[in-house]
Amino acid sequence: MHEGLRPRSGASALFLFLFLLFFLIGLILVLLGFDLNRVDLWLEARGGWFSAIGDLLFRLVSAAVLLVCLILLGAALYELTRGKVRIGLMLASLLIGYFAWIGVSANL
């Protein structure tokens, strides 16, 4: 339990899951003979690589979301020429696509 978490809330369950996950990882590493201080130093030395990989994955996911939004916007515009009005789809595609574009193009 943590003082900022309510019992049986989603945040409490997530906190408990992450605690148990990292506890088990640490326990397995200790049982295999690793020193957790050396593991921490190894992870810290490669933190730049982990950050770069995470940034690349975030940009790829944002680009995929942007592509889906552009396809949906094109489909809604095509249906507009057929007489079907899909204003909600167009507005949602534009809004989500805008935030995906920020994720692709922003300097993180």
N, C-alpha and C. Protein backbone atom coordinates (compact mmCIF):
# COMPACT_ATOMS: atom_id res chain seq x y z
N MET A 1 0.83 -1.18 0.00
CA MET A 1 0.00 0.00 0.00
C MET A 1 0.88 1.24 0.00
N HIS A 2 0.39 2.25 -0.62
CA HIS A 2 1.05 3.53 -0.68
C HIS A 2 0.05 4.57 -0.18
N GLU A 3 0.54 5.61 0.45
CA GLU A 3 -0.36 6.57 1.07
C GLU A 3 -1.22 7.32 0.05
N GLY A 4 -0.76 7.43 -1.19
CA GLY A 4 -1.53 8.16 -2.20
C GLY A 4 -2.47 7.28 -3.00
N LEU A 5 -2.58 6.00 -2.67
CA LEU A 5 -3.41 5.08 -3.44
C LEU A 5 -4.58 4.58 -2.62
N ARG A 6 -5.75 4.52 -3.25
CA ARG A 6 -6.92 3.94 -2.62
C ARG A 6 -6.87 2.43 -2.76
N PRO A 7 -7.29 1.69 -1.75
CA PRO A 7 -7.35 0.24 -1.88
C PRO A 7 -8.33 -0.17 -2.98
N ARG A 8 -7.97 -1.18 -3.74
CA ARG A 8 -8.77 -1.76 -4.81
C ARG A 8 -9.00 -0.82 -5.99
N SER A 9 -8.19 0.21 -6.14
CA SER A 9 -8.31 1.09 -7.30
C SER A 9 -7.42 0.56 -8.41
N GLY A 10 -7.62 1.09 -9.61
CA GLY A 10 -6.80 0.68 -10.75
C GLY A 10 -5.35 1.06 -10.57
N ALA A 11 -5.11 2.24 -10.01
CA ALA A 11 -3.74 2.68 -9.78
C ALA A 11 -3.05 1.80 -8.75
N SER A 12 -3.79 1.38 -7.73
CA SER A 12 -3.23 0.50 -6.72
C SER A 12 -2.87 -0.86 -7.31
N ALA A 13 -3.73 -1.37 -8.19
CA ALA A 13 -3.46 -2.65 -8.84
C ALA A 13 -2.23 -2.54 -9.76
N LEU A 14 -2.12 -1.43 -10.49
CA LEU A 14 -0.96 -1.23 -11.35
C LEU A 14 0.32 -1.12 -10.53
N PHE A 15 0.26 -0.39 -9.43
CA PHE A 15 1.42 -0.23 -8.56
C PHE A 15 1.86 -1.58 -8.00
N LEU A 16 0.91 -2.40 -7.57
CA LEU A 16 1.23 -3.72 -7.05
C LEU A 16 1.81 -4.62 -8.14
N PHE A 17 1.24 -4.56 -9.35
CA PHE A 17 1.74 -5.36 -10.46
C PHE A 17 3.19 -4.99 -10.78
N LEU A 18 3.47 -3.69 -10.88
CA LEU A 18 4.84 -3.27 -11.20
C LEU A 18 5.81 -3.64 -10.08
N PHE A 19 5.38 -3.50 -8.82
CA PHE A 19 6.24 -3.88 -7.71
C PHE A 19 6.57 -5.36 -7.78
N LEU A 20 5.55 -6.19 -7.98
CA LEU A 20 5.79 -7.64 -8.04
C LEU A 20 6.65 -8.02 -9.24
N LEU A 21 6.43 -7.35 -10.37
CA LEU A 21 7.23 -7.64 -11.57
C LEU A 21 8.70 -7.35 -11.33
N PHE A 22 9.01 -6.16 -10.83
CA PHE A 22 10.41 -5.80 -10.61
C PHE A 22 11.02 -6.57 -9.44
N PHE A 23 10.22 -6.92 -8.44
CA PHE A 23 10.72 -7.74 -7.36
C PHE A 23 11.13 -9.12 -7.87
N LEU A 24 10.29 -9.70 -8.72
CA LEU A 24 10.62 -11.02 -9.27
C LEU A 24 11.84 -10.96 -10.18
N ILE A 25 11.96 -9.91 -10.98
CA ILE A 25 13.14 -9.76 -11.83
C ILE A 25 14.39 -9.64 -10.97
N GLY A 26 14.33 -8.81 -9.93
CA GLY A 26 15.48 -8.68 -9.02
C GLY A 26 15.81 -9.97 -8.31
N LEU A 27 14.79 -10.69 -7.86
CA LEU A 27 15.01 -11.96 -7.18
C LEU A 27 15.67 -12.99 -8.11
N ILE A 28 15.19 -13.06 -9.34
CA ILE A 28 15.79 -13.99 -10.30
C ILE A 28 17.23 -13.62 -10.59
N LEU A 29 17.52 -12.31 -10.75
CA LEU A 29 18.89 -11.89 -11.00
C LEU A 29 19.81 -12.24 -9.83
N VAL A 30 19.32 -12.02 -8.61
CA VAL A 30 20.13 -12.35 -7.43
C VAL A 30 20.36 -13.85 -7.34
N LEU A 31 19.33 -14.65 -7.60
CA LEU A 31 19.47 -16.10 -7.55
C LEU A 31 20.42 -16.63 -8.63
N LEU A 32 20.51 -15.91 -9.75
CA LEU A 32 21.44 -16.31 -10.82
C LEU A 32 22.86 -15.82 -10.57
N GLY A 33 23.07 -15.07 -9.50
CA GLY A 33 24.41 -14.65 -9.13
C GLY A 33 24.80 -13.25 -9.56
N PHE A 34 23.86 -12.45 -10.03
CA PHE A 34 24.17 -11.09 -10.44
C PHE A 34 24.16 -10.17 -9.23
N ASP A 35 25.01 -9.16 -9.27
CA ASP A 35 25.01 -8.12 -8.25
C ASP A 35 24.13 -6.99 -8.76
N LEU A 36 23.12 -6.61 -7.99
CA LEU A 36 22.17 -5.61 -8.47
C LEU A 36 22.81 -4.23 -8.66
N ASN A 37 23.87 -3.94 -7.92
CA ASN A 37 24.58 -2.68 -8.14
C ASN A 37 25.25 -2.66 -9.50
N ARG A 38 25.85 -3.78 -9.89
CA ARG A 38 26.49 -3.86 -11.22
C ARG A 38 25.45 -3.82 -12.33
N VAL A 39 24.31 -4.46 -12.10
CA VAL A 39 23.22 -4.42 -13.09
C VAL A 39 22.72 -2.98 -13.24
N ASP A 40 22.58 -2.25 -12.14
CA ASP A 40 22.15 -0.87 -12.19
C ASP A 40 23.16 -0.01 -12.95
N LEU A 41 24.45 -0.20 -12.71
CA LEU A 41 25.47 0.54 -13.44
C LEU A 41 25.45 0.21 -14.93
N TRP A 42 25.22 -1.06 -15.27
CA TRP A 42 25.16 -1.47 -16.67
C TRP A 42 23.97 -0.80 -17.36
N LEU A 43 22.81 -0.80 -16.69
CA LEU A 43 21.62 -0.16 -17.27
C LEU A 43 21.82 1.34 -17.42
N GLU A 44 22.47 1.96 -16.41
CA GLU A 44 22.70 3.40 -16.47
C GLU A 44 23.67 3.76 -17.60
N ALA A 45 24.66 2.91 -17.85
CA ALA A 45 25.62 3.18 -18.91
C ALA A 45 24.96 3.10 -20.29
N ARG A 46 23.91 2.32 -20.42
CA ARG A 46 23.23 2.17 -21.70
C ARG A 46 21.90 2.92 -21.75
N GLY A 47 21.70 3.84 -20.84
CA GLY A 47 20.45 4.60 -20.78
C GLY A 47 20.19 5.42 -22.03
N GLY A 48 21.23 5.93 -22.67
CA GLY A 48 21.06 6.68 -23.90
C GLY A 48 20.49 5.83 -25.02
N TRP A 49 20.97 4.59 -25.11
CA TRP A 49 20.45 3.67 -26.13
C TRP A 49 18.99 3.35 -25.86
N PHE A 50 18.65 3.09 -24.59
CA PHE A 50 17.26 2.78 -24.27
C PHE A 50 16.35 3.97 -24.59
N SER A 51 16.83 5.17 -24.32
CA SER A 51 16.06 6.37 -24.63
C SER A 51 15.87 6.53 -26.14
N ALA A 52 16.92 6.29 -26.91
CA ALA A 52 16.84 6.41 -28.36
C ALA A 52 15.88 5.37 -28.95
N ILE A 53 15.94 4.15 -28.44
CA ILE A 53 15.04 3.10 -28.93
C ILE A 53 13.60 3.43 -28.58
N GLY A 54 13.36 3.90 -27.36
CA GLY A 54 12.01 4.30 -26.95
C GLY A 54 11.48 5.45 -27.78
N ASP A 55 12.34 6.42 -28.09
CA ASP A 55 11.95 7.55 -28.93
C ASP A 55 11.58 7.08 -30.33
N LEU A 56 12.39 6.18 -30.88
CA LEU A 56 12.11 5.65 -32.22
C LEU A 56 10.80 4.87 -32.25
N LEU A 57 10.56 4.04 -31.24
CA LEU A 57 9.32 3.27 -31.18
C LEU A 57 8.10 4.19 -31.05
N PHE A 58 8.23 5.25 -30.24
CA PHE A 58 7.13 6.20 -30.08
C PHE A 58 6.83 6.89 -31.40
N ARG A 59 7.87 7.28 -32.13
CA ARG A 59 7.66 7.95 -33.42
C ARG A 59 7.05 7.00 -34.45
N LEU A 60 7.46 5.72 -34.42
CA LEU A 60 6.87 4.75 -35.36
C LEU A 60 5.40 4.52 -35.08
N VAL A 61 5.04 4.40 -33.81
CA VAL A 61 3.63 4.21 -33.46
C VAL A 61 2.83 5.46 -33.82
N SER A 62 3.39 6.64 -33.57
CA SER A 62 2.71 7.88 -33.93
C SER A 62 2.53 7.98 -35.44
N ALA A 63 3.53 7.55 -36.21
CA ALA A 63 3.41 7.57 -37.67
C ALA A 63 2.34 6.59 -38.14
N ALA A 64 2.25 5.43 -37.51
CA ALA A 64 1.21 4.47 -37.89
C ALA A 64 -0.18 5.02 -37.58
N VAL A 65 -0.35 5.68 -36.43
CA VAL A 65 -1.63 6.30 -36.09
C VAL A 65 -1.96 7.40 -37.08
N LEU A 66 -0.97 8.19 -37.46
CA LEU A 66 -1.17 9.26 -38.43
C LEU A 66 -1.60 8.69 -39.78
N LEU A 67 -0.99 7.60 -40.20
CA LEU A 67 -1.35 6.97 -41.46
C LEU A 67 -2.81 6.48 -41.43
N VAL A 68 -3.22 5.86 -40.34
CA VAL A 68 -4.60 5.39 -40.21
C VAL A 68 -5.56 6.58 -40.24
N CYS A 69 -5.19 7.67 -39.58
CA CYS A 69 -6.05 8.86 -39.58
C CYS A 69 -6.18 9.44 -40.99
N LEU A 70 -5.10 9.45 -41.74
CA LEU A 70 -5.16 9.96 -43.11
C LEU A 70 -6.03 9.06 -43.99
N ILE A 71 -5.93 7.76 -43.80
CA ILE A 71 -6.77 6.84 -44.58
C ILE A 71 -8.25 7.04 -44.23
N LEU A 72 -8.55 7.17 -42.94
CA LEU A 72 -9.93 7.40 -42.53
C LEU A 72 -10.46 8.75 -43.02
N LEU A 73 -9.62 9.75 -43.00
CA LEU A 73 -10.03 11.06 -43.50
C LEU A 73 -10.31 10.99 -45.00
N GLY A 74 -9.45 10.29 -45.73
CA GLY A 74 -9.69 10.11 -47.16
C GLY A 74 -10.96 9.34 -47.44
N ALA A 75 -11.24 8.31 -46.64
CA ALA A 75 -12.47 7.54 -46.81
C ALA A 75 -13.69 8.41 -46.52
N ALA A 76 -13.61 9.24 -45.49
CA ALA A 76 -14.74 10.12 -45.16
C ALA A 76 -14.96 11.15 -46.25
N LEU A 77 -13.88 11.68 -46.81
CA LEU A 77 -14.02 12.64 -47.92
C LEU A 77 -14.60 11.97 -49.15
N TYR A 78 -14.23 10.73 -49.41
CA TYR A 78 -14.78 9.99 -50.54
C TYR A 78 -16.28 9.76 -50.34
N GLU A 79 -16.67 9.39 -49.13
CA GLU A 79 -18.09 9.19 -48.85
C GLU A 79 -18.86 10.50 -48.91
N LEU A 80 -18.19 11.60 -48.65
CA LEU A 80 -18.84 12.91 -48.75
C LEU A 80 -19.23 13.20 -50.19
N THR A 81 -18.41 12.75 -51.14
CA THR A 81 -18.76 12.93 -52.55
C THR A 81 -19.91 12.02 -52.96
N ARG A 82 -20.16 10.95 -52.23
CA ARG A 82 -21.26 10.02 -52.52
C ARG A 82 -22.56 10.43 -51.83
N GLY A 83 -22.50 11.49 -51.06
CA GLY A 83 -23.71 11.97 -50.40
C GLY A 83 -23.83 11.59 -48.94
N LYS A 84 -22.93 10.78 -48.43
CA LYS A 84 -22.96 10.41 -47.01
C LYS A 84 -22.09 11.38 -46.23
N VAL A 85 -22.62 11.93 -45.18
CA VAL A 85 -21.88 12.91 -44.39
C VAL A 85 -21.34 12.22 -43.14
N ARG A 86 -20.04 12.24 -42.99
CA ARG A 86 -19.36 11.64 -41.83
C ARG A 86 -18.52 12.72 -41.13
N ILE A 87 -19.17 13.73 -40.63
CA ILE A 87 -18.46 14.86 -40.01
C ILE A 87 -17.71 14.40 -38.76
N GLY A 88 -18.33 13.55 -37.95
CA GLY A 88 -17.69 13.08 -36.73
C GLY A 88 -16.41 12.33 -37.02
N LEU A 89 -16.44 11.48 -38.06
CA LEU A 89 -15.24 10.74 -38.44
C LEU A 89 -14.15 11.67 -38.92
N MET A 90 -14.53 12.69 -39.69
CA MET A 90 -13.52 13.63 -40.19
C MET A 90 -12.92 14.44 -39.05
N LEU A 91 -13.75 14.90 -38.13
CA LEU A 91 -13.23 15.70 -37.01
C LEU A 91 -12.34 14.85 -36.09
N ALA A 92 -12.77 13.62 -35.82
CA ALA A 92 -11.96 12.74 -34.96
C ALA A 92 -10.63 12.41 -35.64
N SER A 93 -10.66 12.17 -36.95
CA SER A 93 -9.42 11.87 -37.68
C SER A 93 -8.47 13.06 -37.66
N LEU A 94 -9.03 14.26 -37.84
CA LEU A 94 -8.19 15.45 -37.81
C LEU A 94 -7.59 15.68 -36.43
N LEU A 95 -8.38 15.52 -35.39
CA LEU A 95 -7.90 15.76 -34.03
C LEU A 95 -6.83 14.73 -33.64
N ILE A 96 -7.12 13.46 -33.83
CA ILE A 96 -6.16 12.42 -33.47
C ILE A 96 -4.93 12.51 -34.37
N GLY A 97 -5.13 12.79 -35.66
CA GLY A 97 -4.01 12.95 -36.57
C GLY A 97 -3.11 14.12 -36.20
N TYR A 98 -3.71 15.20 -35.70
CA TYR A 98 -2.92 16.35 -35.25
C TYR A 98 -1.97 15.96 -34.12
N PHE A 99 -2.50 15.26 -33.12
CA PHE A 99 -1.65 14.84 -32.00
C PHE A 99 -0.62 13.80 -32.44
N ALA A 100 -0.98 12.94 -33.39
CA ALA A 100 0.00 11.97 -33.91
C ALA A 100 1.09 12.71 -34.68
N TRP A 101 0.75 13.76 -35.42
CA TRP A 101 1.75 14.54 -36.14
C TRP A 101 2.73 15.21 -35.15
N ILE A 102 2.19 15.70 -34.05
CA ILE A 102 3.06 16.28 -33.02
C ILE A 102 4.01 15.22 -32.49
N GLY A 103 3.52 14.00 -32.28
CA GLY A 103 4.37 12.92 -31.81
C GLY A 103 5.45 12.55 -32.80
N VAL A 104 5.16 12.66 -34.09
CA VAL A 104 6.16 12.33 -35.12
C VAL A 104 7.19 13.44 -35.26
N SER A 105 6.72 14.68 -35.26
CA SER A 105 7.61 15.78 -35.63
C SER A 105 8.26 16.52 -34.45
N ALA A 106 7.80 16.31 -33.24
CA ALA A 106 8.31 17.06 -32.10
C ALA A 106 9.73 16.63 -31.73
N ASN A 107 10.50 17.57 -31.21
CA ASN A 107 11.83 17.25 -30.67
C ASN A 107 11.66 16.79 -29.24
N LEU A 108 11.75 15.51 -29.04
CA LEU A 108 11.53 14.96 -27.70
C LEU A 108 12.82 14.87 -26.92
